[in-house]
Amino acid sequence: MKSYWMQSDGVNAQIELRDVEQPAPGPGQILVRVRASGLNRGEFILGHGLHKAGAAKPIGMEAAGEVVSCGPGVEGFAPGERVMGRCPGAFSELVLMSQQEVMKMPASLSFIQAAAIPLTSIVVFEMLVVQGGLKSGEWMLIPGVTSGVGVTALAMGKALGAKVIGTSGSKDKLDQIRSSGLDLGICTRVPNFHDEVMRTTDGKGVDLVINVVGGSVFAECIRSMAFQGRLATVGYVDGVLEAPMNIETLHAMRLKLYGVSNKLRSVEQRAEALPEFKRQILPLIGQGLCLPRIHEVLPFEKMVQAKAMMDSNQQLGKIVLDGLK
């Protein structure tokens, strides 16, 4: 079968399409024929540590497709069923998914839509609900709102009743997502949004920050938070890994800071939020709410071009590989 692999020397990375042996499902595993798979920026950033120097590994982290066969102990899934889930090596013709991370697709979804959900939407759910405790009526700030995570957080936040402020360096992109319910779009690439955030929230500040950008906006995010506000760090596309923090503000305002990453988590830990995601969010997705925003769909053979498109930082939403034959 065909499978994309990435070789890294720690500085540069090379993607190649390989012919590899078809996997066989083991205990608790499901073999899935991939119909579509979503790109995620983090897996290609060498500084994130997902690829060891000198090592080659299959790439891709989320996919949607049809069940081919099930390994021992798998219950509730049958060949031909449409499923989606997180999985290693998603940019392949066939993948193995753990039963703990597989979801049956709502009937209303296409494979393209479903492929953009398993990683980003569950991570956003953990940020907003599991760790962030987002409540209806609260204010949320998303620096980098036009990123893949950002537009997903906007859609889910609005579906949960939040009011959302977002920043982006592109006025055109901000204009495009206003229809998704963005309450305030601030066009900026620098950390200068505090004053406008405070005016919009009547001096209160925001209850939840989703920091997609990184260290360059960290201090401004802290300044923009309300009493007992929460801040999630989910990315650092700016490459800035250190930032000053006013500890007195952290203390007096009773702020909560947390990171969101699957890098060091086991399959069991990644799957912990799945039951609540299925209960709270999957029905909304089935109703046409919280749907992923798709920027571009490219054929499986255009993997390198898809990555180049993502690296250009011009997309608004997710880029998906179409594996349909």
Protein backbone atom coordinates (compact mmCIF):
# COMPACT_ATOMS: atom_id res chain seq x y z
CA MET A 1 0.00 0.00 0.00
CA LYS A 2 1.03 3.65 -0.39
CA SER A 3 2.10 5.62 2.70
CA TYR A 4 3.77 9.00 3.22
CA TRP A 5 6.84 9.05 5.46
CA MET A 6 9.00 11.91 6.73
CA GLN A 7 12.76 11.76 7.27
CA SER A 8 14.33 14.39 9.53
CA ASP A 9 17.91 15.38 10.31
CA GLY A 10 16.76 17.67 13.10
CA VAL A 11 16.94 20.78 10.91
CA ASN A 12 15.26 19.81 7.65
CA ALA A 13 12.68 17.20 6.73
CA GLN A 14 11.94 15.32 3.56
CA ILE A 15 8.59 13.70 2.69
CA GLU A 16 8.46 10.64 0.48
CA LEU A 17 5.74 8.27 -0.71
CA ARG A 18 6.63 4.65 0.06
CA ASP A 19 5.25 1.25 -0.77
CA VAL A 20 4.83 -0.59 2.53
CA GLU A 21 3.19 -3.76 3.72
CA GLN A 22 -0.50 -3.60 4.63
CA PRO A 23 -0.96 -3.63 8.42
CA ALA A 24 -2.99 -6.26 10.24
CA PRO A 25 -5.21 -5.31 13.20
CA GLY A 26 -4.10 -6.58 16.58
CA PRO A 27 -6.13 -6.76 19.80
CA GLY A 28 -8.33 -3.69 20.18
CA GLN A 29 -7.42 -2.36 16.73
CA ILE A 30 -9.50 -1.59 13.64
CA LEU A 31 -8.13 -1.60 10.10
CA VAL A 32 -9.58 1.34 8.17
CA ARG A 33 -9.44 2.17 4.47
CA VAL A 34 -8.62 5.89 4.46
CA ARG A 35 -10.96 8.06 2.42
CA ALA A 36 -9.64 11.41 3.70
CA SER A 37 -7.05 12.68 6.18
CA GLY A 38 -6.43 16.09 7.74
CA LEU A 39 -3.20 18.06 7.92
CA ASN A 40 -2.04 19.45 11.26
CA ARG A 41 0.71 22.04 11.45
CA GLY A 42 2.21 20.75 14.69
CA GLU A 43 3.32 17.40 13.33
CA PHE A 44 5.53 19.10 10.73
CA ILE A 45 7.23 21.51 13.15
CA LEU A 46 10.52 19.80 14.03
CA GLY A 47 10.83 21.83 17.23
CA HIS A 48 7.76 20.08 18.61
CA GLY A 49 9.84 16.93 18.99
CA LEU A 50 7.46 14.54 17.22
CA HIS A 51 10.21 13.47 14.81
CA LYS A 52 13.62 12.30 16.04
CA ALA A 53 16.66 13.31 14.02
CA GLY A 54 17.78 10.54 11.69
CA ALA A 55 14.54 8.61 12.01
CA ALA A 56 11.87 8.11 9.37
CA LYS A 57 8.25 7.55 10.33
CA PRO A 58 4.81 7.49 8.69
CA ILE A 59 3.02 10.81 8.98
CA GLY A 60 -0.57 11.93 9.46
CA MET A 61 -2.60 12.02 12.67
CA GLU A 62 -6.32 11.92 11.83
CA ALA A 63 -8.42 10.22 9.20
CA ALA A 64 -11.87 9.10 8.13
CA GLY A 65 -12.76 6.01 6.17
CA GLU A 66 -14.43 2.62 6.15
CA VAL A 67 -13.81 -0.31 8.45
CA VAL A 68 -12.02 -3.16 6.65
CA SER A 69 -11.59 -5.59 9.53
CA CYS A 70 -11.41 -5.70 13.33
CA GLY A 71 -8.83 -7.26 15.62
CA PRO A 72 -9.55 -9.51 18.60
CA GLY A 73 -11.65 -7.91 21.33
CA VAL A 74 -13.15 -5.15 19.18
CA GLU A 75 -16.88 -4.76 19.68
CA GLY A 76 -19.48 -2.47 18.13
CA PHE A 77 -17.79 -2.01 14.75
CA ALA A 78 -18.34 -3.93 11.52
CA PRO A 79 -16.73 -3.93 8.05
CA GLY A 80 -18.06 -1.18 5.81
CA GLU A 81 -19.00 1.22 8.62
CA ARG A 82 -17.93 4.84 8.21
CA VAL A 83 -15.60 5.93 11.02
CA MET A 84 -13.20 8.70 11.97
CA GLY A 85 -10.42 8.83 14.51
CA ARG A 86 -6.93 9.80 15.54
CA CYS A 87 -4.26 7.44 14.27
CA PRO A 88 -0.56 7.36 13.40
CA GLY A 89 0.26 7.24 9.71
CA ALA A 90 -3.02 8.78 8.54
CA PHE A 91 -1.52 9.75 5.16
CA SER A 92 -1.72 6.14 4.01
CA GLU A 93 -4.17 4.02 2.06
CA LEU A 94 -4.89 1.89 5.14
CA VAL A 95 -4.40 2.66 8.82
CA LEU A 96 -4.84 1.04 12.19
CA MET A 97 -7.04 2.86 14.70
CA SER A 98 -7.35 2.01 18.36
CA GLN A 99 -10.93 1.17 19.33
CA GLN A 100 -10.55 3.72 22.13
CA GLU A 101 -10.10 6.56 19.63
CA VAL A 102 -12.57 5.60 16.87
CA MET A 103 -15.94 7.28 16.40
CA LYS A 104 -18.73 6.38 14.04
CA MET A 105 -19.37 9.23 11.63
CA PRO A 106 -22.66 11.12 11.84
CA ALA A 107 -24.67 10.33 8.72
CA SER A 108 -24.68 14.00 7.71
CA LEU A 109 -20.87 14.21 7.41
CA SER A 110 -18.75 13.68 4.33
CA PHE A 111 -15.40 11.91 4.62
CA ILE A 112 -13.71 15.27 3.99
CA GLN A 113 -15.49 16.91 6.93
CA ALA A 114 -14.97 13.91 9.18
CA ALA A 115 -11.22 13.81 8.50
CA ALA A 116 -10.86 17.32 9.92
CA ILE A 117 -12.51 16.47 13.26
CA PRO A 118 -10.74 13.73 15.28
CA LEU A 119 -7.64 15.64 16.35
CA THR A 120 -8.43 19.36 16.21
CA SER A 121 -12.02 19.22 17.46
CA ILE A 122 -11.24 16.94 20.40
CA VAL A 123 -8.22 19.04 21.38
CA VAL A 124 -10.42 22.15 21.23
CA PHE A 125 -13.09 20.40 23.32
CA GLU A 126 -10.47 19.61 25.96
CA MET A 127 -9.26 23.22 25.93
CA LEU A 128 -12.68 24.81 26.12
CA VAL A 129 -14.67 22.38 28.27
CA VAL A 130 -12.57 19.74 30.04
CA GLN A 131 -9.76 22.05 31.15
CA GLY A 132 -11.22 25.46 30.39
CA GLY A 133 -14.65 25.05 31.97
CA LEU A 134 -16.20 27.40 29.39
CA LYS A 135 -19.72 28.53 30.26
CA SER A 136 -22.41 30.13 28.16
CA GLY A 137 -22.13 33.92 28.22
CA GLU A 138 -18.39 34.01 28.96
CA TRP A 139 -15.88 35.93 26.86
CA MET A 140 -13.19 34.04 24.96
CA LEU A 141 -10.10 35.49 23.27
CA ILE A 142 -8.34 33.64 20.45
CA PRO A 143 -5.09 35.21 19.19
CA GLY A 144 -4.61 33.56 15.80
CA VAL A 145 -8.33 32.93 15.35
CA THR A 146 -7.97 32.25 11.61
CA SER A 147 -5.71 29.23 12.19
CA GLY A 148 -7.09 25.68 12.00
CA VAL A 149 -7.39 25.44 15.79
CA GLY A 150 -8.64 29.01 15.97
CA VAL A 151 -11.60 28.62 13.62
CA THR A 152 -12.55 25.34 15.31
CA ALA A 153 -12.42 27.00 18.74
CA LEU A 154 -14.56 29.86 17.40
CA ALA A 155 -17.23 27.50 16.04
CA MET A 156 -17.33 25.35 19.16
CA GLY A 157 -17.24 28.31 21.50
CA LYS A 158 -20.20 29.94 19.77
CA ALA A 159 -22.14 26.66 19.80
CA LEU A 160 -21.56 26.53 23.56
CA GLY A 161 -22.84 30.11 24.00
CA ALA A 162 -19.58 32.04 24.39
CA LYS A 163 -18.77 35.51 23.08
CA VAL A 164 -15.57 35.47 21.04
CA ILE A 165 -12.82 37.99 20.28
CA GLY A 166 -10.19 36.97 17.75
CA THR A 167 -7.00 38.45 16.33
CA SER A 168 -5.39 37.89 12.95
CA GLY A 169 -2.93 39.67 10.73
CA SER A 170 -5.33 39.32 7.81
CA LYS A 171 -8.36 41.60 7.59
CA ASP A 172 -9.68 39.51 4.70
CA LYS A 173 -9.63 36.34 6.80
CA LEU A 174 -11.33 38.10 9.70
CA ASP A 175 -14.06 39.31 7.35
CA GLN A 176 -14.57 35.75 6.09
CA ILE A 177 -15.17 34.29 9.56
CA ARG A 178 -17.50 36.99 10.87
CA SER A 179 -20.35 34.86 9.57
CA SER A 180 -19.22 32.15 12.02
CA GLY A 181 -20.25 34.43 14.88
CA LEU A 182 -17.03 36.29 15.67
CA ASP A 183 -18.11 39.09 18.02
CA LEU A 184 -14.97 41.19 17.55
CA GLY A 185 -12.11 40.78 15.08
CA ILE A 186 -8.87 42.68 15.76
CA CYS A 187 -6.53 42.94 12.79
CA THR A 188 -3.00 42.83 14.20
CA ARG A 189 0.19 40.78 14.15
CA VAL A 190 1.63 42.32 17.30
CA PRO A 191 0.59 42.18 20.99
CA ASN A 192 -1.45 45.38 21.13
CA PHE A 193 -4.98 44.07 21.63
CA HIS A 194 -5.41 44.60 25.41
CA ASP A 195 -7.09 48.02 25.27
CA GLU A 196 -9.68 46.96 22.69
CA VAL A 197 -10.39 43.72 24.60
CA MET A 198 -11.00 45.66 27.81
CA ARG A 199 -13.28 48.19 26.09
CA THR A 200 -15.32 45.40 24.53
CA THR A 201 -15.71 43.52 27.81
CA ASP A 202 -16.55 46.68 29.81
CA GLY A 203 -13.22 46.53 31.63
CA LYS A 204 -13.73 42.98 32.86
CA GLY A 205 -11.37 41.10 30.54
CA VAL A 206 -11.85 37.67 29.00
CA ASP A 207 -12.67 34.49 30.87
CA LEU A 208 -10.77 32.12 28.57
CA VAL A 209 -7.80 32.65 26.26
CA ILE A 210 -6.83 30.16 23.55
CA ASN A 211 -3.24 31.09 22.65
CA VAL A 212 -2.45 29.61 19.26
CA VAL A 213 0.31 32.13 18.47
CA GLY A 214 2.90 31.59 21.21
CA GLY A 215 5.21 33.55 23.48
CA SER A 216 5.08 36.84 21.58
CA VAL A 217 1.49 37.45 22.74
CA PHE A 218 1.63 35.68 26.11
CA ALA A 219 2.09 38.75 28.31
CA GLU A 220 -0.66 40.64 26.45
CA CYS A 221 -2.99 37.69 26.96
CA ILE A 222 -2.32 37.75 30.71
CA ARG A 223 -3.10 41.48 30.81
CA SER A 224 -6.38 40.87 28.97
CA MET A 225 -7.76 38.23 31.37
CA ALA A 226 -10.64 38.59 33.82
CA PHE A 227 -10.59 37.59 37.48
CA GLN A 228 -10.28 33.78 37.67
CA GLY A 229 -9.58 33.68 33.94
CA ARG A 230 -8.05 30.66 32.24
CA LEU A 231 -5.34 30.58 29.56
CA ALA A 232 -4.62 27.60 27.29
CA THR A 233 -1.38 27.38 25.36
CA VAL A 234 -1.90 25.16 22.32
CA GLY A 235 0.77 26.34 19.91
CA TYR A 236 3.70 28.62 19.21
CA VAL A 237 3.73 29.27 15.50
CA ASP A 238 5.73 32.42 16.23
CA GLY A 239 8.61 30.23 17.47
CA VAL A 240 8.80 32.23 20.72
CA LEU A 241 9.09 29.70 23.55
CA GLU A 242 9.79 32.05 26.45
CA ALA A 243 7.77 35.00 27.70
CA PRO A 244 7.71 37.27 30.79
CA MET A 245 4.86 36.86 33.25
CA ASN A 246 3.69 39.11 36.07
CA ILE A 247 3.45 36.68 38.98
CA GLU A 248 1.58 39.24 41.10
CA THR A 249 -1.16 39.33 38.46
CA LEU A 250 -1.27 35.54 38.36
CA HIS A 251 -1.61 35.47 42.14
CA ALA A 252 -4.05 38.32 42.72
CA MET A 253 -6.32 37.51 39.78
CA ARG A 254 -6.39 33.77 40.61
CA LEU A 255 -5.53 32.89 37.03
CA LYS A 256 -5.28 29.36 35.68
CA LEU A 257 -2.66 28.54 33.04
CA TYR A 258 -2.49 25.19 31.26
CA GLY A 259 -0.94 23.55 28.23
CA VAL A 260 -2.72 21.42 25.65
CA SER A 261 -0.64 18.77 23.89
CA ASN A 262 -0.86 15.07 23.06
CA LYS A 263 2.91 14.70 22.66
CA LEU A 264 3.49 12.78 25.91
CA ARG A 265 0.07 11.21 26.36
CA SER A 266 -0.76 7.55 26.01
CA VAL A 267 -3.65 6.26 23.89
CA GLU A 268 -5.64 5.79 27.11
CA GLN A 269 -5.01 9.38 28.18
CA ARG A 270 -5.90 10.78 24.75
CA ALA A 271 -9.16 8.83 24.81
CA GLU A 272 -10.28 10.09 28.23
CA ALA A 273 -12.27 13.01 26.80
CA LEU A 274 -13.86 11.02 23.99
CA PRO A 275 -17.02 9.88 25.83
CA GLU A 276 -17.90 13.45 26.79
CA PHE A 277 -17.01 14.69 23.31
CA LYS A 278 -19.43 12.14 21.85
CA ARG A 279 -22.12 13.16 24.33
CA GLN A 280 -21.78 16.95 24.14
CA ILE A 281 -20.28 17.80 20.75
CA LEU A 282 -20.96 15.00 18.28
CA PRO A 283 -24.74 15.66 18.31
CA LEU A 284 -24.05 19.34 17.54
CA ILE A 285 -21.80 18.32 14.65
CA GLY A 286 -24.55 16.03 13.36
CA GLN A 287 -26.90 19.03 13.42
CA GLY A 288 -24.52 21.10 11.31
CA LEU A 289 -22.99 23.06 14.21
CA CYS A 290 -19.26 23.01 15.13
CA LEU A 291 -18.44 21.82 11.63
CA PRO A 292 -14.77 22.12 10.65
CA ARG A 293 -13.96 24.89 8.20
CA ILE A 294 -12.27 23.35 5.16
CA HIS A 295 -9.86 25.60 3.28
CA GLU A 296 -8.75 23.24 0.54
CA VAL A 297 -9.07 19.61 -0.52
CA LEU A 298 -6.21 18.09 -2.48
CA PRO A 299 -5.84 14.56 -3.88
CA PHE A 300 -3.73 12.03 -2.00
CA GLU A 301 -0.95 12.39 -4.58
CA LYS A 302 -0.55 16.10 -3.73
CA MET A 303 0.71 15.66 -0.15
CA VAL A 304 3.84 17.76 -0.68
CA GLN A 305 1.81 20.57 -2.24
CA ALA A 306 -0.66 20.38 0.66
CA LYS A 307 2.15 20.86 3.17
CA ALA A 308 3.56 23.76 1.15
CA MET A 309 0.12 25.38 1.19
CA MET A 310 -0.01 25.01 4.97
CA ASP A 311 3.53 26.37 5.35
CA SER A 312 2.54 29.47 3.36
CA ASN A 313 0.13 30.37 6.18
CA GLN A 314 -2.47 31.56 3.70
CA GLN A 315 -5.15 29.02 4.55
CA LEU A 316 -8.31 29.67 6.54
CA GLY A 317 -9.26 26.42 8.23
CA LYS A 318 -8.17 22.87 7.53
CA ILE A 319 -6.39 21.37 4.55
CA VAL A 320 -7.53 17.81 3.78
CA LEU A 321 -6.15 15.05 1.57
CA ASP A 322 -8.81 13.22 -0.42
CA GLY A 323 -8.00 9.52 -0.51
CA LEU A 324 -11.09 8.41 -2.45
CA LYS A 325 -10.33 6.24 -5.44
